[in-house]
Amino acid sequence: MESALAGLGRSPVAAREGRAQRATATRRRRGSTRADQAVGSSSRTPGSRSPSCGRKMKLNHPNYLYRVLPDLQKEGRIKRKGQGYHPGG
């Protein structure tokens, strides 16, 4: 495979890097997402837990926020204190 890529003038490393760039470019957030709604919910009711935030947002599956809230923590948009979530600084 390396010889085939070399014949095309591309290195195997460049081929892998191109795929990585495309994969990350498609994961961009648009406005008014569930994450933004979760941040708003945590600012309106600080200290609330994930399922209760989901019920207040009227989600069919309130536990879905277990997937969203850790990413928001990493971004610094919310903070976890004890078992509840609070707005980030």
PDB file of N, CA and C in Angstrom:
ATOM      1  N   MET A   1       0.816  -1.185   0.000  1.00  0.00           N
ATOM      2  CA  MET A   1       0.000   0.000   0.000  1.00  0.00           C
ATOM      3  C   MET A   1       0.868   1.260   0.000  1.00  0.00           C
ATOM      4  N   GLU A   2       1.972   1.181   0.761  1.00  0.00           N
ATOM      5  CA  GLU A   2       2.864   2.334   0.812  1.00  0.00           C
ATOM      6  C   GLU A   2       3.464   2.628  -0.558  1.00  0.00           C
ATOM      7  N   SER A   3       3.793   1.567  -1.292  1.00  0.00           N
ATOM      8  CA  SER A   3       4.367   1.788  -2.613  1.00  0.00           C
ATOM      9  C   SER A   3       3.314   2.375  -3.560  1.00  0.00           C
ATOM     10  N   ALA A   4       2.058   1.970  -3.401  1.00  0.00           N
ATOM     11  CA  ALA A   4       0.995   2.529  -4.239  1.00  0.00           C
ATOM     12  C   ALA A   4       0.797   4.006  -3.926  1.00  0.00           C
ATOM     13  N   LEU A   5       0.812   4.359  -2.640  1.00  0.00           N
ATOM     14  CA  LEU A   5       0.674   5.768  -2.254  1.00  0.00           C
ATOM     15  C   LEU A   5       1.880   6.586  -2.702  1.00  0.00           C
ATOM     16  N   ALA A   6       3.062   5.977  -2.621  1.00  0.00           N
ATOM     17  CA  ALA A   6       4.265   6.677  -3.073  1.00  0.00           C
ATOM     18  C   ALA A   6       4.183   6.941  -4.570  1.00  0.00           C
ATOM     19  N   GLY A   7       3.612   5.992  -5.326  1.00  0.00           N
ATOM     20  CA  GLY A   7       3.443   6.178  -6.766  1.00  0.00           C
ATOM     21  C   GLY A   7       2.479   7.314  -7.076  1.00  0.00           C
ATOM     22  N   LEU A   8       1.525   7.556  -6.175  1.00  0.00           N
ATOM     23  CA  LEU A   8       0.585   8.664  -6.362  1.00  0.00           C
ATOM     24  C   LEU A   8       1.136   9.982  -5.823  1.00  0.00           C
ATOM     25  N   GLY A   9       2.277   9.900  -5.154  1.00  0.00           N
ATOM     26  CA  GLY A   9       2.875  11.119  -4.632  1.00  0.00           C
ATOM     27  C   GLY A   9       2.395  11.475  -3.240  1.00  0.00           C
ATOM     28  N   ARG A  10       1.751  10.528  -2.551  1.00  0.00           N
ATOM     29  CA  ARG A  10       1.278  10.787  -1.194  1.00  0.00           C
ATOM     30  C   ARG A  10       1.948   9.825  -0.239  1.00  0.00           C
ATOM     31  N   SER A  11       2.203  10.268   0.945  1.00  0.00           N
ATOM     32  CA  SER A  11       2.764   9.381   1.956  1.00  0.00           C
ATOM     33  C   SER A  11       1.623   8.793   2.786  1.00  0.00           C
ATOM     34  N   PRO A  12       1.841   7.637   3.403  1.00  0.00           N
ATOM     35  CA  PRO A  12       0.792   7.045   4.240  1.00  0.00           C
ATOM     36  C   PRO A  12       0.409   7.939   5.406  1.00  0.00           C
ATOM     37  N   VAL A  13       1.359   8.694   5.921  1.00  0.00           N
ATOM     38  CA  VAL A  13       1.073   9.599   7.028  1.00  0.00           C
ATOM     39  C   VAL A  13       0.118  10.692   6.566  1.00  0.00           C
ATOM     40  N   ALA A  14       0.328  11.236   5.404  1.00  0.00           N
ATOM     41  CA  ALA A  14      -0.545  12.288   4.889  1.00  0.00           C
ATOM     42  C   ALA A  14      -1.959  11.765   4.667  1.00  0.00           C
ATOM     43  N   ALA A  15      -2.074  10.517   4.244  1.00  0.00           N
ATOM     44  CA  ALA A  15      -3.398   9.931   4.030  1.00  0.00           C
ATOM     45  C   ALA A  15      -4.147   9.812   5.345  1.00  0.00           C
ATOM     46  N   ARG A  16      -3.450   9.391   6.402  1.00  0.00           N
ATOM     47  CA  ARG A  16      -4.093   9.271   7.718  1.00  0.00           C
ATOM     48  C   ARG A  16      -4.477  10.634   8.264  1.00  0.00           C
ATOM     49  N   GLU A  17      -3.631  11.622   8.093  1.00  0.00           N
ATOM     50  CA  GLU A  17      -3.920  12.959   8.605  1.00  0.00           C
ATOM     51  C   GLU A  17      -5.144  13.557   7.922  1.00  0.00           C
ATOM     52  N   GLY A  18      -5.308  13.296   6.654  1.00  0.00           N
ATOM     53  CA  GLY A  18      -6.474  13.801   5.934  1.00  0.00           C
ATOM     54  C   GLY A  18      -7.766  13.241   6.492  1.00  0.00           C
ATOM     55  N   ARG A  19      -7.750  11.959   6.829  1.00  0.00           N
ATOM     56  CA  ARG A  19      -8.946  11.343   7.416  1.00  0.00           C
ATOM     57  C   ARG A  19      -9.240  11.933   8.779  1.00  0.00           C
ATOM     58  N   ALA A  20      -8.223  12.173   9.586  1.00  0.00           N
ATOM     59  CA  ALA A  20      -8.423  12.714  10.927  1.00  0.00           C
ATOM     60  C   ALA A  20      -9.013  14.118  10.858  1.00  0.00           C
ATOM     61  N   GLN A  21      -8.564  14.916   9.919  1.00  0.00           N
ATOM     62  CA  GLN A  21      -9.091  16.272   9.793  1.00  0.00           C
ATOM     63  C   GLN A  21     -10.553  16.251   9.397  1.00  0.00           C
ATOM     64  N   ARG A  22     -10.922  15.365   8.507  1.00  0.00           N
ATOM     65  CA  ARG A  22     -12.329  15.299   8.086  1.00  0.00           C
ATOM     66  C   ARG A  22     -13.224  14.847   9.220  1.00  0.00           C
ATOM     67  N   ALA A  23     -12.763  13.905  10.035  1.00  0.00           N
ATOM     68  CA  ALA A  23     -13.595  13.383  11.123  1.00  0.00           C
ATOM     69  C   ALA A  23     -13.872  14.458  12.162  1.00  0.00           C
ATOM     70  N   THR A  24     -12.881  15.295  12.464  1.00  0.00           N
ATOM     71  CA  THR A  24     -13.092  16.318  13.479  1.00  0.00           C
ATOM     72  C   THR A  24     -13.852  17.511  12.923  1.00  0.00           C
ATOM     73  N   ALA A  25     -13.753  17.745  11.641  1.00  0.00           N
ATOM     74  CA  ALA A  25     -14.427  18.908  11.064  1.00  0.00           C
ATOM     75  C   ALA A  25     -15.941  18.737  11.048  1.00  0.00           C
ATOM     76  N   THR A  26     -16.434  17.505  11.049  1.00  0.00           N
ATOM     77  CA  THR A  26     -17.877  17.290  10.986  1.00  0.00           C
ATOM     78  C   THR A  26     -18.535  17.390  12.355  1.00  0.00           C
ATOM     79  N   ARG A  27     -17.759  17.457  13.432  1.00  0.00           N
ATOM     80  CA  ARG A  27     -18.324  17.499  14.770  1.00  0.00           C
ATOM     81  C   ARG A  27     -18.389  18.917  15.318  1.00  0.00           C
ATOM     82  N   ARG A  28     -18.995  19.785  14.615  1.00  0.00           N
ATOM     83  CA  ARG A  28     -19.133  21.157  15.093  1.00  0.00           C
ATOM     84  C   ARG A  28     -20.552  21.386  15.555  1.00  0.00           C
ATOM     85  N   ARG A  29     -20.673  22.137  16.633  1.00  0.00           N
ATOM     86  CA  ARG A  29     -21.980  22.391  17.201  1.00  0.00           C
ATOM     87  C   ARG A  29     -22.673  23.542  16.520  1.00  0.00           C
ATOM     88  N   ARG A  30     -23.936  23.380  16.326  1.00  0.00           N
ATOM     89  CA  ARG A  30     -24.745  24.477  15.815  1.00  0.00           C
ATOM     90  C   ARG A  30     -25.403  25.181  16.984  1.00  0.00           C
ATOM     91  N   GLY A  31     -26.075  26.275  16.749  1.00  0.00           N
ATOM     92  CA  GLY A  31     -26.724  27.008  17.824  1.00  0.00           C
ATOM     93  C   GLY A  31     -27.933  26.274  18.364  1.00  0.00           C
ATOM     94  N   SER A  32     -28.295  26.589  19.604  1.00  0.00           N
ATOM     95  CA  SER A  32     -29.488  26.080  20.251  1.00  0.00           C
ATOM     96  C   SER A  32     -29.503  24.558  20.333  1.00  0.00           C
ATOM     97  N   THR A  33     -28.438  23.984  20.843  1.00  0.00           N
ATOM     98  CA  THR A  33     -28.358  22.540  20.999  1.00  0.00           C
ATOM     99  C   THR A  33     -28.798  22.145  22.396  1.00  0.00           C
ATOM    100  N   ARG A  34     -28.885  20.861  22.645  1.00  0.00           N
ATOM    101  CA  ARG A  34     -29.225  20.359  23.978  1.00  0.00           C
ATOM    102  C   ARG A  34     -28.187  20.805  24.996  1.00  0.00           C
ATOM    103  N   ALA A  35     -26.940  20.918  24.580  1.00  0.00           N
ATOM    104  CA  ALA A  35     -25.893  21.365  25.500  1.00  0.00           C
ATOM    105  C   ALA A  35     -26.179  22.782  25.976  1.00  0.00           C
ATOM    106  N   ASP A  36     -26.559  23.657  25.057  1.00  0.00           N
ATOM    107  CA  ASP A  36     -26.886  25.029  25.440  1.00  0.00           C
ATOM    108  C   ASP A  36     -28.096  25.057  26.369  1.00  0.00           C
ATOM    109  N   GLN A  37     -29.071  24.206  26.098  1.00  0.00           N
ATOM    110  CA  GLN A  37     -30.248  24.135  26.953  1.00  0.00           C
ATOM    111  C   GLN A  37     -29.882  23.606  28.337  1.00  0.00           C
ATOM    112  N   ALA A  38     -28.963  22.653  28.403  1.00  0.00           N
ATOM    113  CA  ALA A  38     -28.535  22.110  29.691  1.00  0.00           C
ATOM    114  C   ALA A  38     -27.796  23.163  30.508  1.00  0.00           C
ATOM    115  N   VAL A  39     -26.982  23.981  29.855  1.00  0.00           N
ATOM    116  CA  VAL A  39     -26.280  25.059  30.558  1.00  0.00           C
ATOM    117  C   VAL A  39     -27.302  26.052  31.112  1.00  0.00           C
ATOM    118  N   GLY A  40     -28.306  26.379  30.314  1.00  0.00           N
ATOM    119  CA  GLY A  40     -29.357  27.282  30.771  1.00  0.00           C
ATOM    120  C   GLY A  40     -30.129  26.701  31.940  1.00  0.00           C
ATOM    121  N   SER A  41     -30.401  25.412  31.888  1.00  0.00           N
ATOM    122  CA  SER A  41     -31.126  24.755  32.974  1.00  0.00           C
ATOM    123  C   SER A  41     -30.307  24.757  34.254  1.00  0.00           C
ATOM    124  N   SER A  42     -29.001  24.525  34.143  1.00  0.00           N
ATOM    125  CA  SER A  42     -28.160  24.517  35.349  1.00  0.00           C
ATOM    126  C   SER A  42     -28.013  25.917  35.935  1.00  0.00           C
ATOM    127  N   SER A  43     -28.112  26.947  35.096  1.00  0.00           N
ATOM    128  CA  SER A  43     -28.027  28.302  35.646  1.00  0.00           C
ATOM    129  C   SER A  43     -29.344  28.721  36.297  1.00  0.00           C
ATOM    130  N   ARG A  44     -30.474  28.199  35.787  1.00  0.00           N
ATOM    131  CA  ARG A  44     -31.765  28.526  36.402  1.00  0.00           C
ATOM    132  C   ARG A  44     -31.974  27.780  37.713  1.00  0.00           C
ATOM    133  N   THR A  45     -31.513  26.539  37.771  1.00  0.00           N
ATOM    134  CA  THR A  45     -31.674  25.722  38.980  1.00  0.00           C
ATOM    135  C   THR A  45     -30.337  25.096  39.338  1.00  0.00           C
ATOM    136  N   PRO A  46     -29.436  25.872  39.979  1.00  0.00           N
ATOM    137  CA  PRO A  46     -28.119  25.332  40.333  1.00  0.00           C
ATOM    138  C   PRO A  46     -28.247  24.172  41.318  1.00  0.00           C
ATOM    139  N   GLY A  47     -27.393  23.200  41.149  1.00  0.00           N
ATOM    140  CA  GLY A  47     -27.378  22.054  42.048  1.00  0.00           C
ATOM    141  C   GLY A  47     -28.281  20.923  41.604  1.00  0.00           C
ATOM    142  N   SER A  48     -28.969  21.078  40.490  1.00  0.00           N
ATOM    143  CA  SER A  48     -29.855  20.014  40.035  1.00  0.00           C
ATOM    144  C   SER A  48     -29.045  18.897  39.409  1.00  0.00           C
ATOM    145  N   ARG A  49     -29.614  17.709  39.422  1.00  0.00           N
ATOM    146  CA  ARG A  49     -28.946  16.530  38.898  1.00  0.00           C
ATOM    147  C   ARG A  49     -29.350  16.313  37.446  1.00  0.00           C
ATOM    148  N   SER A  50     -28.654  15.416  36.788  1.00  0.00           N
ATOM    149  CA  SER A  50     -28.852  15.185  35.360  1.00  0.00           C
ATOM    150  C   SER A  50     -30.284  14.777  34.993  1.00  0.00           C
ATOM    151  N   PRO A  51     -30.889  13.771  35.631  1.00  0.00           N
ATOM    152  CA  PRO A  51     -32.243  13.375  35.229  1.00  0.00           C
ATOM    153  C   PRO A  51     -33.282  14.464  35.484  1.00  0.00           C
ATOM    154  N   SER A  52     -33.111  15.207  36.575  1.00  0.00           N
ATOM    155  CA  SER A  52     -34.096  16.254  36.852  1.00  0.00           C
ATOM    156  C   SER A  52     -33.977  17.389  35.831  1.00  0.00           C
ATOM    157  N   CYS A  53     -32.760  17.698  35.393  1.00  0.00           N
ATOM    158  CA  CYS A  53     -32.588  18.699  34.323  1.00  0.00           C
ATOM    159  C   CYS A  53     -33.263  18.213  33.046  1.00  0.00           C
ATOM    160  N   GLY A  54     -33.098  16.935  32.747  1.00  0.00           N
ATOM    161  CA  GLY A  54     -33.716  16.366  31.550  1.00  0.00           C
ATOM    162  C   GLY A  54     -35.231  16.420  31.598  1.00  0.00           C
ATOM    163  N   ARG A  55     -35.789  16.169  32.774  1.00  0.00           N
ATOM    164  CA  ARG A  55     -37.254  16.253  32.904  1.00  0.00           C
ATOM    165  C   ARG A  55     -37.736  17.688  32.756  1.00  0.00           C
ATOM    166  N   LYS A  56     -36.984  18.641  33.300  1.00  0.00           N
ATOM    167  CA  LYS A  56     -37.363  20.056  33.164  1.00  0.00           C
ATOM    168  C   LYS A  56     -37.262  20.519  31.717  1.00  0.00           C
ATOM    169  N   MET A  57     -36.333  19.915  30.963  1.00  0.00           N
ATOM    170  CA  MET A  57     -36.196  20.243  29.543  1.00  0.00           C
ATOM    171  C   MET A  57     -37.210  19.469  28.697  1.00  0.00           C
ATOM    172  N   LYS A  58     -37.997  18.615  29.354  1.00  0.00           N
ATOM    173  CA  LYS A  58     -39.031  17.804  28.703  1.00  0.00           C
ATOM    174  C   LYS A  58     -38.454  16.865  27.650  1.00  0.00           C
ATOM    175  N   LEU A  59     -37.344  16.221  28.006  1.00  0.00           N
ATOM    176  CA  LEU A  59     -36.731  15.234  27.122  1.00  0.00           C
ATOM    177  C   LEU A  59     -37.461  13.904  27.275  1.00  0.00           C
ATOM    178  N   ASN A  60     -37.591  13.170  26.186  1.00  0.00           N
ATOM    179  CA  ASN A  60     -38.197  11.844  26.260  1.00  0.00           C
ATOM    180  C   ASN A  60     -37.321  10.888  27.064  1.00  0.00           C
ATOM    181  N   HIS A  61     -36.017  11.064  26.985  1.00  0.00           N
ATOM    182  CA  HIS A  61     -35.069  10.238  27.715  1.00  0.00           C
ATOM    183  C   HIS A  61     -34.176  11.168  28.541  1.00  0.00           C
ATOM    184  N   PRO A  62     -34.599  11.508  29.760  1.00  0.00           N
ATOM    185  CA  PRO A  62     -33.842  12.485  30.562  1.00  0.00           C
ATOM    186  C   PRO A  62     -32.406  12.075  30.859  1.00  0.00           C
ATOM    187  N   ASN A  63     -32.130  10.767  30.891  1.00  0.00           N
ATOM    188  CA  ASN A  63     -30.772  10.323  31.183  1.00  0.00           C
ATOM    189  C   ASN A  63     -29.811  10.600  30.033  1.00  0.00           C
ATOM    190  N   TYR A  64     -30.308  11.093  28.914  1.00  0.00           N
ATOM    191  CA  TYR A  64     -29.452  11.474  27.784  1.00  0.00           C
ATOM    192  C   TYR A  64     -28.408  12.494  28.223  1.00  0.00           C
ATOM    193  N   LEU A  65     -28.739  13.298  29.203  1.00  0.00           N
ATOM    194  CA  LEU A  65     -27.804  14.338  29.632  1.00  0.00           C
ATOM    195  C   LEU A  65     -26.547  13.759  30.274  1.00  0.00           C
ATOM    196  N   TYR A  66     -26.570  12.494  30.665  1.00  0.00           N
ATOM    197  CA  TYR A  66     -25.345  11.880  31.169  1.00  0.00           C
ATOM    198  C   TYR A  66     -24.266  11.868  30.091  1.00  0.00           C
ATOM    199  N   ARG A  67     -24.638  11.927  28.831  1.00  0.00           N
ATOM    200  CA  ARG A  67     -23.669  11.983  27.733  1.00  0.00           C
ATOM    201  C   ARG A  67     -23.208  13.414  27.482  1.00  0.00           C
ATOM    202  N   VAL A  68     -24.055  14.389  27.733  1.00  0.00           N
ATOM    203  CA  VAL A  68     -23.781  15.779  27.382  1.00  0.00           C
ATOM    204  C   VAL A  68     -23.012  16.501  28.484  1.00  0.00           C
ATOM    205  N   LEU A  69     -23.395  16.286  29.726  1.00  0.00           N
ATOM    206  CA  LEU A  69     -22.846  17.073  30.832  1.00  0.00           C
ATOM    207  C   LEU A  69     -21.342  16.894  31.054  1.00  0.00           C
ATOM    208  N   PRO A  70     -20.751  15.700  30.917  1.00  0.00           N
ATOM    209  CA  PRO A  70     -19.290  15.618  31.089  1.00  0.00           C
ATOM    210  C   PRO A  70     -18.512  16.450  30.059  1.00  0.00           C
ATOM    211  N   ASP A  71     -19.003  16.534  28.838  1.00  0.00           N
ATOM    212  CA  ASP A  71     -18.333  17.371  27.836  1.00  0.00           C
ATOM    213  C   ASP A  71     -18.428  18.845  28.219  1.00  0.00           C
ATOM    214  N   LEU A  72     -19.554  19.238  28.761  1.00  0.00           N
ATOM    215  CA  LEU A  72     -19.709  20.633  29.196  1.00  0.00           C
ATOM    216  C   LEU A  72     -18.782  20.937  30.369  1.00  0.00           C
ATOM    217  N   GLN A  73     -18.553  19.944  31.212  1.00  0.00           N
ATOM    218  CA  GLN A  73     -17.610  20.110  32.314  1.00  0.00           C
ATOM    219  C   GLN A  73     -16.207  20.339  31.777  1.00  0.00           C
ATOM    220  N   LYS A  74     -15.801  19.558  30.783  1.00  0.00           N
ATOM    221  CA  LYS A  74     -14.463  19.696  30.194  1.00  0.00           C
ATOM    222  C   LYS A  74     -14.287  21.067  29.559  1.00  0.00           C
ATOM    223  N   GLU A  75     -15.362  21.582  28.954  1.00  0.00           N
ATOM    224  CA  GLU A  75     -15.307  22.902  28.322  1.00  0.00           C
ATOM    225  C   GLU A  75     -15.342  24.025  29.350  1.00  0.00           C
ATOM    226  N   GLY A  76     -15.709  23.714  30.582  1.00  0.00           N
ATOM    227  CA  GLY A  76     -15.779  24.720  31.630  1.00  0.00           C
ATOM    228  C   GLY A  76     -17.089  25.491  31.657  1.00  0.00           C
ATOM    229  N   ARG A  77     -18.088  25.018  30.928  1.00  0.00           N
ATOM    230  CA  ARG A  77     -19.370  25.725  30.890  1.00  0.00           C
ATOM    231  C   ARG A  77     -20.229  25.427  32.106  1.00  0.00           C
ATOM    232  N   ILE A  78     -20.020  24.261  32.740  1.00  0.00           N
ATOM    233  CA  ILE A  78     -20.694  23.922  33.984  1.00  0.00           C
ATOM    234  C   ILE A  78     -19.681  23.285  34.920  1.00  0.00           C
ATOM    235  N   LYS A  79     -20.020  23.230  36.212  1.00  0.00           N
ATOM    236  CA  LYS A  79     -19.161  22.596  37.207  1.00  0.00           C
ATOM    237  C   LYS A  79     -20.018  21.652  38.033  1.00  0.00           C
ATOM    238  N   ARG A  80     -19.404  20.581  38.452  1.00  0.00           N
ATOM    239  CA  ARG A  80     -20.109  19.627  39.295  1.00  0.00           C
ATOM    240  C   ARG A  80     -19.645  19.816  40.730  1.00  0.00           C
ATOM    241  N   LYS A  81     -20.605  20.026  41.621  1.00  0.00           N
ATOM    242  CA  LYS A  81     -20.327  20.149  43.032  1.00  0.00           C
ATOM    243  C   LYS A  81     -21.201  19.137  43.743  1.00  0.00           C
ATOM    244  N   GLY A  82     -20.571  18.170  44.365  1.00  0.00           N
ATOM    245  CA  GLY A  82     -21.335  17.097  44.998  1.00  0.00           C
ATOM    246  C   GLY A  82     -21.989  16.258  43.902  1.00  0.00           C
ATOM    247  N   GLN A  83     -23.309  16.135  43.976  1.00  0.00           N
ATOM    248  CA  GLN A  83     -24.014  15.354  42.967  1.00  0.00           C
ATOM    249  C   GLN A  83     -24.754  16.231  41.977  1.00  0.00           C
ATOM    250  N   GLY A  84     -24.697  17.556  42.146  1.00  0.00           N
ATOM    251  CA  GLY A  84     -25.426  18.447  41.264  1.00  0.00           C
ATOM    252  C   GLY A  84     -24.510  19.261  40.365  1.00  0.00           C
ATOM    253  N   TYR A  85     -25.109  19.911  39.378  1.00  0.00           N
ATOM    254  CA  TYR A  85     -24.365  20.725  38.426  1.00  0.00           C
ATOM    255  C   TYR A  85     -24.679  22.195  38.636  1.00  0.00           C
ATOM    256  N   HIS A  86     -23.655  23.019  38.513  1.00  0.00           N
ATOM    257  CA  HIS A  86     -23.761  24.457  38.699  1.00  0.00           C
ATOM    258  C   HIS A  86     -23.185  25.161  37.468  1.00  0.00           C
ATOM    259  N   PRO A  87     -23.579  26.393  37.218  1.00  0.00           N
ATOM    260  CA  PRO A  87     -23.015  27.116  36.070  1.00  0.00           C
ATOM    261  C   PRO A  87     -21.512  27.292  36.213  1.00  0.00           C
ATOM    262  N   GLY A  88     -20.812  27.227  35.105  1.00  0.00           N
ATOM    263  CA  GLY A  88     -19.352  27.381  35.107  1.00  0.00           C
ATOM    264  C   GLY A  88     -18.953  28.835  35.227  1.00  0.00           C
ATOM    265  N   GLY A  89     -17.686  29.042  35.428  1.00  0.00           N
ATOM    266  CA  GLY A  89     -17.175  30.389  35.642  1.00  0.00           C
ATOM    267  C   GLY A  89     -16.608  30.970  34.454  1.00  0.00           C
TER     268      GLY A  89
END
